């Protein structure tokens, strides 16, 4: 299975919903709460978001090399089932 990682905001209901989506499916993931990170880490995250998606938005989910910004369960499912992931794209 592809690695799943995400950037979230600790108080964001949509971010919590996204984490729960992966937890209920038994998918392990790494995450960093942007608002709880130090300024240096926040700057790195912002650069990664702009590079990966062309914008800053939460949740920012990376499944393999594909980026999904926002809660998109259909796309998450599709990517989790896929073995040949596409290059990073901006999927809302």
N, C-alpha and C. Protein backbone atom coordinates (compact mmCIF):
# COMPACT_ATOMS: atom_id res chain seq x y z
N UNK A 1 0.84 -1.19 0.00
CA UNK A 1 0.00 0.00 0.00
C UNK A 1 0.88 1.24 0.00
N UNK A 2 0.44 2.28 -0.67
CA UNK A 2 1.18 3.52 -0.76
C UNK A 2 1.21 4.23 0.59
N UNK A 3 2.26 4.99 0.81
CA UNK A 3 2.38 5.77 2.03
C UNK A 3 1.37 6.91 2.01
N UNK A 4 0.74 7.13 3.15
CA UNK A 4 -0.23 8.22 3.30
C UNK A 4 0.30 9.18 4.34
N UNK A 5 0.35 10.45 3.96
CA UNK A 5 0.75 11.50 4.90
C UNK A 5 -0.13 12.71 4.67
N UNK A 6 -0.25 13.53 5.71
CA UNK A 6 -1.11 14.70 5.55
C UNK A 6 -0.69 15.84 6.46
N UNK A 7 -1.07 17.02 6.05
CA UNK A 7 -0.95 18.23 6.86
C UNK A 7 -2.37 18.65 7.19
N UNK A 8 -2.58 18.93 8.46
CA UNK A 8 -3.91 19.28 8.93
C UNK A 8 -3.84 20.47 9.87
N UNK A 9 -5.00 20.96 10.26
CA UNK A 9 -5.13 21.98 11.30
C UNK A 9 -5.81 21.29 12.48
N UNK A 10 -5.27 21.46 13.68
CA UNK A 10 -5.76 20.70 14.84
C UNK A 10 -7.23 20.93 15.16
N UNK A 11 -7.76 22.09 14.83
CA UNK A 11 -9.15 22.41 15.16
C UNK A 11 -10.11 22.30 13.96
N UNK A 12 -9.62 21.83 12.85
CA UNK A 12 -10.40 21.77 11.61
C UNK A 12 -11.28 20.53 11.57
N UNK A 13 -12.61 20.69 11.53
CA UNK A 13 -13.50 19.53 11.48
C UNK A 13 -13.29 18.67 10.23
N UNK A 14 -13.01 19.28 9.11
CA UNK A 14 -12.78 18.52 7.88
C UNK A 14 -11.49 17.71 7.98
N UNK A 15 -10.49 18.27 8.64
CA UNK A 15 -9.23 17.55 8.86
C UNK A 15 -9.47 16.35 9.76
N UNK A 16 -10.26 16.53 10.80
CA UNK A 16 -10.59 15.42 11.70
C UNK A 16 -11.35 14.32 10.95
N UNK A 17 -12.26 14.73 10.09
CA UNK A 17 -13.04 13.79 9.28
C UNK A 17 -12.12 13.00 8.35
N UNK A 18 -11.13 13.67 7.80
CA UNK A 18 -10.17 13.01 6.91
C UNK A 18 -9.35 11.97 7.67
N UNK A 19 -8.86 12.33 8.85
CA UNK A 19 -8.11 11.37 9.66
C UNK A 19 -8.98 10.16 10.01
N UNK A 20 -10.22 10.42 10.37
CA UNK A 20 -11.13 9.34 10.73
C UNK A 20 -11.40 8.42 9.54
N UNK A 21 -11.49 8.99 8.35
CA UNK A 21 -11.68 8.20 7.13
C UNK A 21 -10.60 7.14 7.02
N UNK A 22 -9.35 7.52 7.19
CA UNK A 22 -8.24 6.57 7.06
C UNK A 22 -8.18 5.61 8.25
N UNK A 23 -8.45 6.12 9.45
CA UNK A 23 -8.43 5.25 10.64
C UNK A 23 -9.46 4.13 10.53
N UNK A 24 -10.68 4.46 10.09
CA UNK A 24 -11.74 3.45 10.03
C UNK A 24 -11.45 2.39 8.97
N UNK A 25 -10.58 2.68 8.04
CA UNK A 25 -10.19 1.72 7.01
C UNK A 25 -8.90 1.00 7.36
N UNK A 26 -8.37 1.28 8.54
CA UNK A 26 -7.15 0.62 8.98
C UNK A 26 -5.91 1.06 8.23
N UNK A 27 -5.97 2.26 7.64
CA UNK A 27 -4.84 2.78 6.88
C UNK A 27 -3.98 3.63 7.82
N UNK A 28 -2.73 3.26 7.97
CA UNK A 28 -1.83 4.06 8.79
C UNK A 28 -1.38 5.28 8.00
N UNK A 29 -1.19 6.37 8.70
CA UNK A 29 -0.77 7.61 8.06
C UNK A 29 0.04 8.44 9.04
N UNK A 30 0.85 9.31 8.48
CA UNK A 30 1.58 10.30 9.25
C UNK A 30 0.88 11.63 9.05
N UNK A 31 0.91 12.47 10.08
CA UNK A 31 0.33 13.80 9.91
C UNK A 31 1.08 14.80 10.79
N UNK A 32 1.00 16.03 10.36
CA UNK A 32 1.51 17.16 11.14
C UNK A 32 0.40 18.19 11.19
N UNK A 33 0.07 18.63 12.40
CA UNK A 33 -0.88 19.73 12.55
C UNK A 33 -0.12 21.03 12.31
N UNK A 34 -0.43 21.66 11.20
CA UNK A 34 0.26 22.88 10.78
C UNK A 34 0.25 23.95 11.87
N UNK A 35 -0.89 24.14 12.50
CA UNK A 35 -1.01 25.21 13.49
C UNK A 35 -0.22 24.94 14.77
N UNK A 36 0.18 23.71 14.99
CA UNK A 36 0.97 23.37 16.18
C UNK A 36 2.46 23.25 15.88
N UNK A 37 2.83 23.36 14.61
CA UNK A 37 4.23 23.28 14.20
C UNK A 37 4.92 24.61 14.44
N UNK A 38 6.24 24.55 14.57
CA UNK A 38 6.99 25.80 14.74
C UNK A 38 7.06 26.54 13.40
N UNK A 39 7.48 27.78 13.45
CA UNK A 39 7.48 28.63 12.26
C UNK A 39 8.33 28.05 11.13
N UNK A 40 9.47 27.49 11.46
CA UNK A 40 10.34 26.91 10.44
C UNK A 40 9.64 25.74 9.74
N UNK A 41 8.99 24.87 10.51
CA UNK A 41 8.25 23.74 9.95
C UNK A 41 7.07 24.23 9.11
N UNK A 42 6.38 25.26 9.58
CA UNK A 42 5.26 25.83 8.81
C UNK A 42 5.73 26.34 7.45
N UNK A 43 6.89 26.98 7.43
CA UNK A 43 7.43 27.49 6.16
C UNK A 43 7.73 26.34 5.21
N UNK A 44 8.31 25.25 5.72
CA UNK A 44 8.60 24.08 4.89
C UNK A 44 7.31 23.47 4.34
N UNK A 45 6.31 23.39 5.19
CA UNK A 45 5.02 22.83 4.77
C UNK A 45 4.40 23.69 3.68
N UNK A 46 4.44 25.00 3.84
CA UNK A 46 3.86 25.91 2.84
C UNK A 46 4.55 25.74 1.49
N UNK A 47 5.86 25.60 1.50
CA UNK A 47 6.60 25.40 0.25
C UNK A 47 6.19 24.07 -0.39
N UNK A 48 6.09 23.02 0.42
CA UNK A 48 5.68 21.71 -0.12
C UNK A 48 4.27 21.77 -0.70
N UNK A 49 3.37 22.48 -0.03
CA UNK A 49 2.00 22.60 -0.54
C UNK A 49 1.97 23.33 -1.87
N UNK A 50 2.69 24.41 -1.96
CA UNK A 50 2.70 25.19 -3.21
C UNK A 50 3.32 24.37 -4.34
N UNK A 51 4.35 23.60 -4.02
CA UNK A 51 4.99 22.76 -5.02
C UNK A 51 4.09 21.62 -5.44
N UNK A 52 3.43 20.98 -4.48
CA UNK A 52 2.62 19.80 -4.76
C UNK A 52 1.25 20.10 -5.32
N UNK A 53 0.66 21.24 -4.91
CA UNK A 53 -0.72 21.51 -5.32
C UNK A 53 -0.93 22.90 -5.89
N UNK A 54 0.06 23.76 -5.78
CA UNK A 54 -0.09 25.11 -6.31
C UNK A 54 -0.89 26.03 -5.41
N UNK A 55 -1.22 25.54 -4.21
CA UNK A 55 -1.98 26.35 -3.26
C UNK A 55 -1.83 25.77 -1.87
N UNK A 56 -2.22 26.55 -0.89
CA UNK A 56 -2.22 26.09 0.49
C UNK A 56 -3.66 25.79 0.87
N UNK A 57 -3.91 24.59 1.33
CA UNK A 57 -5.24 24.18 1.73
C UNK A 57 -5.18 22.98 2.65
N UNK A 58 -6.18 22.85 3.49
CA UNK A 58 -6.20 21.76 4.47
C UNK A 58 -7.52 21.01 4.38
N UNK A 59 -7.49 19.72 4.59
CA UNK A 59 -6.31 18.88 4.75
C UNK A 59 -5.56 18.74 3.42
N UNK A 60 -4.28 18.55 3.54
CA UNK A 60 -3.38 18.33 2.41
C UNK A 60 -2.93 16.87 2.54
N UNK A 61 -3.44 16.03 1.67
CA UNK A 61 -3.19 14.59 1.79
C UNK A 61 -2.33 14.13 0.62
N UNK A 62 -1.29 13.37 0.95
CA UNK A 62 -0.44 12.78 -0.09
C UNK A 62 -0.56 11.27 0.04
N UNK A 63 -1.00 10.63 -1.04
CA UNK A 63 -1.09 9.18 -1.11
C UNK A 63 -0.12 8.76 -2.20
N UNK A 64 0.97 8.16 -1.78
CA UNK A 64 2.05 7.89 -2.74
C UNK A 64 2.59 9.23 -3.20
N UNK A 65 2.56 9.46 -4.49
CA UNK A 65 3.03 10.74 -5.06
C UNK A 65 1.89 11.66 -5.46
N UNK A 66 0.66 11.27 -5.13
CA UNK A 66 -0.50 12.05 -5.55
C UNK A 66 -1.02 12.90 -4.39
N UNK A 67 -1.28 14.15 -4.68
CA UNK A 67 -1.77 15.11 -3.69
C UNK A 67 -3.27 15.32 -3.87
N UNK A 68 -3.98 15.30 -2.74
CA UNK A 68 -5.41 15.63 -2.73
C UNK A 68 -5.59 16.70 -1.68
N UNK A 69 -6.15 17.83 -2.06
CA UNK A 69 -6.42 18.91 -1.12
C UNK A 69 -7.90 18.90 -0.81
N UNK A 70 -8.23 18.79 0.47
CA UNK A 70 -9.62 18.73 0.89
C UNK A 70 -10.05 17.30 1.15
N UNK A 71 -11.29 17.15 1.61
CA UNK A 71 -11.85 15.84 1.90
C UNK A 71 -12.52 15.31 0.65
N UNK A 72 -11.94 14.26 0.08
CA UNK A 72 -12.45 13.68 -1.16
C UNK A 72 -12.40 12.15 -1.03
N UNK A 73 -13.38 11.56 -0.33
CA UNK A 73 -13.32 10.13 -0.06
C UNK A 73 -13.28 9.25 -1.31
N UNK A 74 -13.95 9.67 -2.38
CA UNK A 74 -13.93 8.88 -3.61
C UNK A 74 -12.51 8.82 -4.17
N UNK A 75 -11.84 9.96 -4.19
CA UNK A 75 -10.45 9.99 -4.69
C UNK A 75 -9.52 9.21 -3.76
N UNK A 76 -9.71 9.35 -2.45
CA UNK A 76 -8.90 8.59 -1.50
C UNK A 76 -9.03 7.09 -1.79
N UNK A 77 -10.27 6.62 -1.92
CA UNK A 77 -10.51 5.20 -2.19
C UNK A 77 -9.83 4.76 -3.48
N UNK A 78 -9.98 5.58 -4.51
CA UNK A 78 -9.38 5.26 -5.81
C UNK A 78 -7.87 5.13 -5.68
N UNK A 79 -7.25 6.06 -4.98
CA UNK A 79 -5.80 6.03 -4.84
C UNK A 79 -5.33 4.88 -3.96
N UNK A 80 -6.08 4.57 -2.93
CA UNK A 80 -5.70 3.46 -2.06
C UNK A 80 -5.76 2.13 -2.79
N UNK A 81 -6.66 2.01 -3.76
CA UNK A 81 -6.80 0.78 -4.54
C UNK A 81 -5.82 0.70 -5.70
N UNK A 82 -5.30 1.84 -6.11
CA UNK A 82 -4.43 1.90 -7.27
C UNK A 82 -3.02 1.43 -6.94
N UNK A 83 -2.43 0.69 -7.85
CA UNK A 83 -1.04 0.27 -7.68
C UNK A 83 -0.11 1.13 -8.52
N UNK A 84 -0.63 1.74 -9.55
CA UNK A 84 0.18 2.60 -10.42
C UNK A 84 -0.33 4.02 -10.28
N UNK A 85 0.19 4.72 -9.29
CA UNK A 85 -0.28 6.08 -9.04
C UNK A 85 0.25 7.05 -10.08
N UNK A 86 -0.56 8.04 -10.37
CA UNK A 86 -0.17 9.10 -11.30
C UNK A 86 0.80 10.04 -10.60
N UNK A 87 1.53 10.86 -11.35
CA UNK A 87 2.36 11.89 -10.72
C UNK A 87 1.49 12.84 -9.90
N UNK A 88 2.11 13.56 -8.98
CA UNK A 88 1.39 14.48 -8.11
C UNK A 88 0.52 15.43 -8.92
N UNK A 89 -0.75 15.53 -8.50
CA UNK A 89 -1.69 16.42 -9.16
C UNK A 89 -2.50 17.14 -8.13
N UNK A 90 -3.16 18.17 -8.55
CA UNK A 90 -4.02 18.94 -7.66
C UNK A 90 -5.44 18.39 -7.79
N UNK A 91 -5.89 17.68 -6.78
CA UNK A 91 -7.23 17.11 -6.80
C UNK A 91 -8.03 17.71 -5.66
N UNK A 92 -9.12 18.33 -5.96
CA UNK A 92 -9.95 18.93 -4.89
C UNK A 92 -11.06 18.01 -4.51
